[in-house]
């Protein structure tokens, strides 16, 4: 039992920075993909020059373009927010064990 415990402790950093890091990266990538789909940012960008509601008059085209630009800006800001959150989570994942070991070493030198 002690052997398994020591093996788990020694294997933990290897798992954390290999398989665990890949898993968290894939989950964050899937999360961002789902957010992009829910915001439909690429759909708005792809259809920027199409008039909304098939209004082909110049007023309809201008209003559609302005509305789509505003939507793209707002949705891009929201997407940037989620990207920053995901990058913070990834950095937290990478630096948490190092920070923990540093704090334990700092306390033990007290």
Protein backbone atom coordinates (compact mmCIF):
# COMPACT_ATOMS: atom_id res chain seq x y z
CA UNK A 1 0.00 0.00 0.00
CA UNK A 2 2.85 2.38 0.81
CA UNK A 3 4.51 1.44 -2.47
CA UNK A 4 1.37 2.41 -4.45
CA UNK A 5 1.11 5.67 -2.52
CA UNK A 6 4.72 6.61 -3.26
CA UNK A 7 4.28 5.58 -6.89
CA UNK A 8 1.21 7.84 -7.16
CA UNK A 9 3.08 10.78 -5.65
CA UNK A 10 6.00 10.32 -8.02
CA UNK A 11 3.73 9.83 -11.06
CA UNK A 12 1.58 12.89 -10.28
CA UNK A 13 3.90 15.57 -11.80
CA UNK A 14 4.38 13.47 -14.91
CA UNK A 15 0.63 13.08 -15.34
CA UNK A 16 -0.06 16.75 -14.52
CA UNK A 17 2.29 18.08 -17.20
CA UNK A 18 1.60 15.43 -19.87
CA UNK A 19 -1.78 13.70 -19.98
CA UNK A 20 -3.48 16.14 -17.62
CA UNK A 21 -2.26 19.16 -19.57
CA UNK A 22 -3.44 17.63 -22.85
CA UNK A 23 -6.85 16.89 -21.32
CA UNK A 24 -7.33 20.40 -19.95
CA UNK A 25 -6.13 21.89 -23.26
CA UNK A 26 -8.63 19.77 -25.23
CA UNK A 27 -11.48 20.67 -22.87
CA UNK A 28 -10.68 24.37 -23.14
CA UNK A 29 -10.42 24.10 -26.93
CA UNK A 30 -13.82 22.38 -27.08
CA UNK A 31 -15.26 25.02 -24.74
CA UNK A 32 -14.03 27.82 -27.01
CA UNK A 33 -15.35 26.01 -30.08
CA UNK A 34 -18.78 25.72 -28.46
CA UNK A 35 -18.72 29.39 -27.46
CA UNK A 36 -17.86 30.39 -31.03
CA UNK A 37 -20.74 28.25 -32.31
CA UNK A 38 -23.17 29.77 -29.81
CA UNK A 39 -22.07 33.29 -30.72
CA UNK A 40 -22.15 32.42 -34.45
CA UNK A 41 -19.28 34.82 -35.00
CA UNK A 42 -18.09 33.18 -38.21
CA UNK A 43 -21.62 33.24 -39.63
CA UNK A 44 -21.85 36.98 -39.01
CA UNK A 45 -18.46 37.54 -40.63
CA UNK A 46 -19.30 35.33 -43.61
CA UNK A 47 -22.57 37.16 -44.29
CA UNK A 48 -21.35 40.71 -43.74
CA UNK A 49 -22.09 41.85 -47.30
CA UNK A 50 -25.50 40.20 -47.61
CA UNK A 51 -28.43 42.48 -46.97
CA UNK A 52 -30.66 41.49 -44.07
CA UNK A 53 -34.24 40.46 -44.88
CA UNK A 54 -33.36 40.71 -48.61
CA UNK A 55 -33.54 44.51 -48.53
CA UNK A 56 -31.55 45.30 -51.68
CA UNK A 57 -32.10 49.05 -51.55
CA UNK A 58 -29.06 51.12 -50.65
CA UNK A 59 -30.60 52.03 -47.27
CA UNK A 60 -31.16 48.37 -46.48
CA UNK A 61 -27.63 47.46 -47.48
CA UNK A 62 -26.10 50.23 -45.35
CA UNK A 63 -28.24 49.40 -42.30
CA UNK A 64 -27.47 45.69 -42.67
CA UNK A 65 -23.74 46.37 -42.94
CA UNK A 66 -23.71 48.66 -39.88
CA UNK A 67 -25.77 46.24 -37.79
CA UNK A 68 -23.50 43.35 -38.75
CA UNK A 69 -20.34 45.34 -37.97
CA UNK A 70 -21.73 46.18 -34.52
CA UNK A 71 -22.71 42.55 -33.96
CA UNK A 72 -19.26 41.34 -35.05
CA UNK A 73 -17.52 43.79 -32.71
CA UNK A 74 -19.68 42.86 -29.72
CA UNK A 75 -19.41 39.13 -30.37
CA UNK A 76 -15.65 39.41 -30.88
CA UNK A 77 -15.30 41.16 -27.52
CA UNK A 78 -17.31 38.39 -25.87
CA UNK A 79 -15.17 35.76 -27.60
CA UNK A 80 -11.99 37.57 -26.51
CA UNK A 81 -13.28 37.52 -22.93
CA UNK A 82 -13.75 33.73 -23.06
CA UNK A 83 -10.34 33.30 -24.67
CA UNK A 84 -8.68 35.27 -21.87
CA UNK A 85 -10.55 33.20 -19.26
CA UNK A 86 -9.36 29.98 -20.91
CA UNK A 87 -5.77 31.21 -21.10
CA UNK A 88 -5.91 32.13 -17.39
CA UNK A 89 -7.19 28.65 -16.55
CA UNK A 90 -4.41 27.08 -18.62
CA UNK A 91 -1.75 29.23 -16.90
CA UNK A 92 -3.27 28.38 -13.53
CA UNK A 93 -3.05 24.68 -14.43
CA UNK A 94 0.61 25.00 -15.43
CA UNK A 95 1.80 27.07 -12.46
CA UNK A 96 -0.32 25.63 -9.62
CA UNK A 97 2.04 22.75 -8.69
CA UNK A 98 5.09 25.00 -8.89
CA UNK A 99 3.41 27.63 -6.72
CA UNK A 100 2.28 24.97 -4.23
CA UNK A 101 5.76 23.48 -3.90
CA UNK A 102 7.21 26.98 -3.50
CA UNK A 103 4.74 27.80 -0.70
CA UNK A 104 5.37 24.47 1.06
CA UNK A 105 9.12 25.08 0.88
CA UNK A 106 8.63 28.61 2.16
CA UNK A 107 6.56 27.42 5.13
CA UNK A 108 8.96 24.60 6.00
CA UNK A 109 11.89 27.05 6.15
CA UNK A 110 10.06 29.06 8.79
